[in-house]
C-alpha atoms as a PDB file:
ATOM      1  CA  MET A   1      -7.554 -48.810  11.336  1.00  0.00           C
ATOM      2  CA  ASN A   2      -5.050 -46.136   9.240  1.00  0.00           C
ATOM      3  CA  GLY A   3      -5.510 -43.595  11.865  1.00  0.00           C
ATOM      4  CA  THR A   4      -4.725 -46.050  14.544  1.00  0.00           C
ATOM      5  CA  ILE A   5      -1.433 -46.895  12.885  1.00  0.00           C
ATOM      6  CA  PHE A   6      -0.906 -42.941  11.404  1.00  0.00           C
ATOM      7  CA  LEU A   7      -1.116 -42.149  15.494  1.00  0.00           C
ATOM      8  CA  LYS A   8       1.226 -45.264  16.827  1.00  0.00           C
ATOM      9  CA  LYS A   9       3.495 -43.965  14.144  1.00  0.00           C
ATOM     10  CA  SER A  10       3.577 -40.453  15.158  1.00  0.00           C
ATOM     11  CA  ILE A  11       3.904 -41.208  18.907  1.00  0.00           C
ATOM     12  CA  PHE A  12       6.767 -43.460  17.922  1.00  0.00           C
ATOM     13  CA  THR A  13       8.478 -40.615  16.339  1.00  0.00           C
ATOM     14  CA  VAL A  14       7.750 -38.339  19.363  1.00  0.00           C
ATOM     15  CA  LEU A  15       9.365 -40.721  21.621  1.00  0.00           C
ATOM     16  CA  PHE A  16      12.260 -41.648  19.382  1.00  0.00           C
ATOM     17  CA  PHE A  17      12.782 -37.627  19.496  1.00  0.00           C
ATOM     18  CA  ILE A  18      12.384 -36.905  22.622  1.00  0.00           C
ATOM     19  CA  ALA A  19      14.960 -40.103  23.565  1.00  0.00           C
ATOM     20  CA  VAL A  20      17.562 -38.435  20.716  1.00  0.00           C
ATOM     21  CA  SER A  21      16.876 -34.943  22.790  1.00  0.00           C
ATOM     22  CA  ILE A  22      17.553 -36.686  26.336  1.00  0.00           C
ATOM     23  CA  THR A  23      21.199 -38.228  25.211  1.00  0.00           C
ATOM     24  CA  TYR A  24      22.211 -34.603  23.318  1.00  0.00           C
ATOM     25  CA  ALA A  25      21.267 -33.073  26.631  1.00  0.00           C
ATOM     26  CA  GLN A  26      23.251 -35.521  29.075  1.00  0.00           C
ATOM     27  CA  THR A  27      26.388 -35.766  26.549  1.00  0.00           C
ATOM     28  CA  ASN A  28      26.453 -31.690  26.771  1.00  0.00           C
ATOM     29  CA  ALA A  29      26.450 -32.126  30.312  1.00  0.00           C
ATOM     30  CA  GLN A  30      29.009 -34.247  30.478  1.00  0.00           C
ATOM     31  CA  VAL A  31      31.478 -32.471  27.827  1.00  0.00           C
ATOM     32  CA  ALA A  32      30.768 -29.492  29.621  1.00  0.00           C
ATOM     33  CA  HIS A  33      31.637 -30.805  33.058  1.00  0.00           C
ATOM     34  CA  GLU A  34      34.850 -32.041  31.697  1.00  0.00           C
ATOM     35  CA  HIS A  35      35.613 -28.699  30.418  1.00  0.00           C
ATOM     36  CA  PHE A  36      34.786 -27.085  33.622  1.00  0.00           C
ATOM     37  CA  LYS A  37      37.232 -29.992  35.568  1.00  0.00           C
ATOM     38  CA  VAL A  38      39.934 -28.831  32.939  1.00  0.00           C
ATOM     39  CA  SER A  39      39.314 -25.187  33.599  1.00  0.00           C
ATOM     40  CA  LEU A  40      39.330 -25.414  37.275  1.00  0.00           C
ATOM     41  CA  GLU A  41      42.810 -27.545  36.810  1.00  0.00           C
ATOM     42  CA  ASN A  42      44.104 -24.646  34.485  1.00  0.00           C
ATOM     43  CA  LEU A  43      43.114 -22.240  37.121  1.00  0.00           C
ATOM     44  CA  MET A  44      45.211 -23.619  40.068  1.00  0.00           C
ATOM     45  CA  ALA A  45      48.081 -24.233  38.118  1.00  0.00           C
ATOM     46  CA  GLY A  46      48.071 -20.370  37.060  1.00  0.00           C
ATOM     47  CA  ASP A  47      47.076 -20.912  33.523  1.00  0.00           C
ATOM     48  CA  TYR A  48      44.145 -18.240  33.467  1.00  0.00           C
ATOM     49  CA  GLN A  49      43.938 -18.027  29.691  1.00  0.00           C
ATOM     50  CA  ASN A  50      43.202 -21.545  29.152  1.00  0.00           C
ATOM     51  CA  ALA A  51      41.109 -21.644  31.965  1.00  0.00           C
ATOM     52  CA  ILE A  52      39.058 -18.964  30.556  1.00  0.00           C
ATOM     53  CA  LEU A  53      38.796 -21.023  26.989  1.00  0.00           C
ATOM     54  CA  ARG A  54      37.691 -23.849  28.775  1.00  0.00           C
ATOM     55  CA  CYS A  55      35.034 -21.965  30.905  1.00  0.00           C
ATOM     56  CA  ASN A  56      33.498 -20.707  27.581  1.00  0.00           C
ATOM     57  CA  GLN A  57      33.443 -24.087  26.284  1.00  0.00           C
ATOM     58  CA  ALA A  58      31.638 -25.225  29.077  1.00  0.00           C
ATOM     59  CA  LEU A  59      28.981 -22.422  29.318  1.00  0.00           C
ATOM     60  CA  ARG A  60      28.644 -22.938  25.152  1.00  0.00           C
ATOM     61  CA  LEU A  61      27.131 -26.265  26.121  1.00  0.00           C
ATOM     62  CA  LEU A  62      25.140 -25.173  29.410  1.00  0.00           C
ATOM     63  CA  PRO A  63      25.030 -21.422  29.448  1.00  0.00           C
ATOM     64  CA  ASN A  64      23.638 -21.911  33.235  1.00  0.00           C
ATOM     65  CA  HIS A  65      26.578 -23.691  34.635  1.00  0.00           C
ATOM     66  CA  TYR A  66      27.493 -20.917  37.591  1.00  0.00           C
ATOM     67  CA  LEU A  67      30.851 -22.995  38.576  1.00  0.00           C
ATOM     68  CA  SER A  68      32.149 -21.996  34.810  1.00  0.00           C
ATOM     69  CA  TYR A  69      31.106 -18.387  35.645  1.00  0.00           C
ATOM     70  CA  ILE A  70      32.881 -18.493  39.269  1.00  0.00           C
ATOM     71  CA  VAL A  71      36.170 -19.804  37.420  1.00  0.00           C
ATOM     72  CA  ARG A  72      36.230 -17.811  34.424  1.00  0.00           C
ATOM     73  CA  ALA A  73      35.878 -14.524  37.036  1.00  0.00           C
ATOM     74  CA  ARG A  74      38.841 -15.461  39.243  1.00  0.00           C
ATOM     75  CA  ALA A  75      40.664 -16.187  35.632  1.00  0.00           C
ATOM     76  CA  HIS A  76      39.761 -12.526  34.795  1.00  0.00           C
ATOM     77  CA  PHE A  77      39.959 -11.141  38.544  1.00  0.00           C
ATOM     78  CA  GLU A  78      43.889 -12.538  38.112  1.00  0.00           C
ATOM     79  CA  LEU A  79      44.253 -11.146  34.677  1.00  0.00           C
ATOM     80  CA  ASN A  80      43.212  -7.910  35.878  1.00  0.00           C
ATOM     81  CA  ASP A  81      40.293  -7.864  33.612  1.00  0.00           C
ATOM     82  CA  PHE A  82      38.043  -6.759  36.500  1.00  0.00           C
ATOM     83  CA  GLU A  83      34.863  -5.773  34.463  1.00  0.00           C
ATOM     84  CA  LYS A  84      34.623  -8.950  33.009  1.00  0.00           C
ATOM     85  CA  ALA A  85      35.116 -10.532  36.123  1.00  0.00           C
ATOM     86  CA  ILE A  86      32.363  -8.417  37.715  1.00  0.00           C
ATOM     87  CA  THR A  87      30.275  -9.434  34.707  1.00  0.00           C
ATOM     88  CA  ASP A  88      30.703 -12.946  35.677  1.00  0.00           C
ATOM     89  CA  CYS A  89      29.949 -12.681  38.721  1.00  0.00           C
ATOM     90  CA  THR A  90      26.710 -10.577  38.454  1.00  0.00           C
ATOM     91  CA  ASN A  91      25.664 -13.823  36.203  1.00  0.00           C
ATOM     92  CA  VAL A  92      26.303 -15.999  39.095  1.00  0.00           C
ATOM     93  CA  ILE A  93      24.155 -14.220  41.436  1.00  0.00           C
ATOM     94  CA  ARG A  94      21.726 -13.928  38.788  1.00  0.00           C
ATOM     95  CA  LEU A  95      21.702 -17.746  38.923  1.00  0.00           C
ATOM     96  CA  ASP A  96      22.293 -18.026  42.729  1.00  0.00           C
ATOM     97  CA  LYS A  97      21.805 -15.307  44.845  1.00  0.00           C
ATOM     98  CA  ASN A  98      23.501 -17.250  47.471  1.00  0.00           C
ATOM     99  CA  ASN A  99      26.454 -17.481  46.353  1.00  0.00           C
ATOM    100  CA  SER A 100      29.281 -15.705  48.842  1.00  0.00           C
ATOM    101  CA  THR A 101      32.160 -16.611  46.520  1.00  0.00           C
ATOM    102  CA  ALA A 102      30.312 -14.571  43.755  1.00  0.00           C
ATOM    103  CA  TYR A 103      30.052 -11.674  45.863  1.00  0.00           C
ATOM    104  CA  SER A 104      33.433 -11.866  47.034  1.00  0.00           C
ATOM    105  CA  ILE A 105      34.914 -12.026  43.973  1.00  0.00           C
ATOM    106  CA  ARG A 106      33.120  -9.100  42.563  1.00  0.00           C
ATOM    107  CA  GLY A 107      33.746  -7.045  45.612  1.00  0.00           C
ATOM    108  CA  ASN A 108      37.037  -7.600  45.054  1.00  0.00           C
ATOM    109  CA  SER A 109      36.738  -6.476  41.412  1.00  0.00           C
ATOM    110  CA  TYR A 110      34.864  -3.464  42.407  1.00  0.00           C
ATOM    111  CA  ARG A 111      37.647  -2.549  45.045  1.00  0.00           C
ATOM    112  CA  LYS A 112      40.309  -2.991  42.743  1.00  0.00           C
ATOM    113  CA  ILE A 113      38.309  -0.536  40.063  1.00  0.00           C
ATOM    114  CA  GLY A 114      38.047   2.321  42.566  1.00  0.00           C
ATOM    115  CA  GLU A 115      34.433   1.406  43.285  1.00  0.00           C
ATOM    116  CA  THR A 116      34.716   1.144  47.188  1.00  0.00           C
ATOM    117  CA  GLU A 117      30.945   1.424  48.175  1.00  0.00           C
ATOM    118  CA  LYS A 118      29.955  -1.073  46.026  1.00  0.00           C
ATOM    119  CA  ALA A 119      32.478  -3.482  47.204  1.00  0.00           C
ATOM    120  CA  ILE A 120      31.667  -2.882  50.362  1.00  0.00           C
ATOM    121  CA  THR A 121      28.155  -3.880  49.883  1.00  0.00           C
ATOM    122  CA  ASP A 122      28.837  -6.942  48.164  1.00  0.00           C
ATOM    123  CA  TRP A 123      31.768  -8.244  50.717  1.00  0.00           C
ATOM    124  CA  GLU A 124      28.884  -7.409  53.370  1.00  0.00           C
ATOM    125  CA  THR A 125      26.676  -9.563  51.766  1.00  0.00           C
ATOM    126  CA  ALA A 126      29.136 -12.062  51.246  1.00  0.00           C
ATOM    127  CA  LEU A 127      29.858 -12.419  54.696  1.00  0.00           C
ATOM    128  CA  LYS A 128      25.957 -12.633  55.585  1.00  0.00           C
ATOM    129  CA  LEU A 129      26.076 -15.701  53.206  1.00  0.00           C
ATOM    130  CA  ASN A 130      29.568 -17.080  55.173  1.00  0.00           C
ATOM    131  CA  PRO A 131      30.486 -15.431  58.233  1.00  0.00           C
ATOM    132  CA  ASN A 132      33.386 -17.388  58.266  1.00  0.00           C
ATOM    133  CA  LEU A 133      35.021 -15.228  55.741  1.00  0.00           C
ATOM    134  CA  GLU A 134      37.860 -13.643  57.809  1.00  0.00           C
ATOM    135  CA  ASP A 135      39.335 -12.284  54.477  1.00  0.00           C
ATOM    136  CA  ILE A 136      36.132 -10.469  53.906  1.00  0.00           C
ATOM    137  CA  LYS A 137      36.066  -8.893  57.496  1.00  0.00           C
ATOM    138  CA  THR A 138      39.277  -7.132  56.711  1.00  0.00           C
ATOM    139  CA  ASN A 139      38.652  -6.188  53.329  1.00  0.00           C
ATOM    140  CA  ILE A 140      35.363  -4.462  55.182  1.00  0.00           C
ATOM    141  CA  GLU A 141      37.702  -2.697  57.746  1.00  0.00           C
ATOM    142  CA  ARG A 142      40.077  -1.660  55.847  1.00  0.00           C
ATOM    143  CA  ALA A 143      37.767  -0.221  52.908  1.00  0.00           C
ATOM    144  CA  ARG A 144      35.679   1.711  55.436  1.00  0.00           C
ATOM    145  CA  VAL A 145      39.066   3.143  56.378  1.00  0.00           C
ATOM    146  CA  SER A 146      40.089   4.628  53.001  1.00  0.00           C
ATOM    147  CA  LEU A 147      36.697   6.110  52.635  1.00  0.00           C
ATOM    148  CA  GLN A 148      37.019   8.412  55.814  1.00  0.00           C
END
């Protein structure tokens, strides 16, 4: 009988901790999403520093939130911090290898630091993933001309 009571208490304790963990994870996801939404508003308003700060907060809660990496990469790009933009885009590609936006921003960043071949490779990948990216087609053409 004591073994049964002990087993029931153990099961209850485990279930309680699972429920608490799930609630905590849901709360983290909600808070991270709010930080992301504000970061996007900051980005659109040209407030790049605050966009980065909000993305950092979202990524602390959800380290694989690729949309926060994209917003942060774009903000870094706008602040001419191309190495950080490249790092964030690489993180997005690690999480979602079919993300044309990440390849596009990373290509633009490579071009800004003079790594034209890498830029062309990323832009070509972005174009394969999304053939409607007219500005990328233009970027590729201009970059190829500059290499001649």
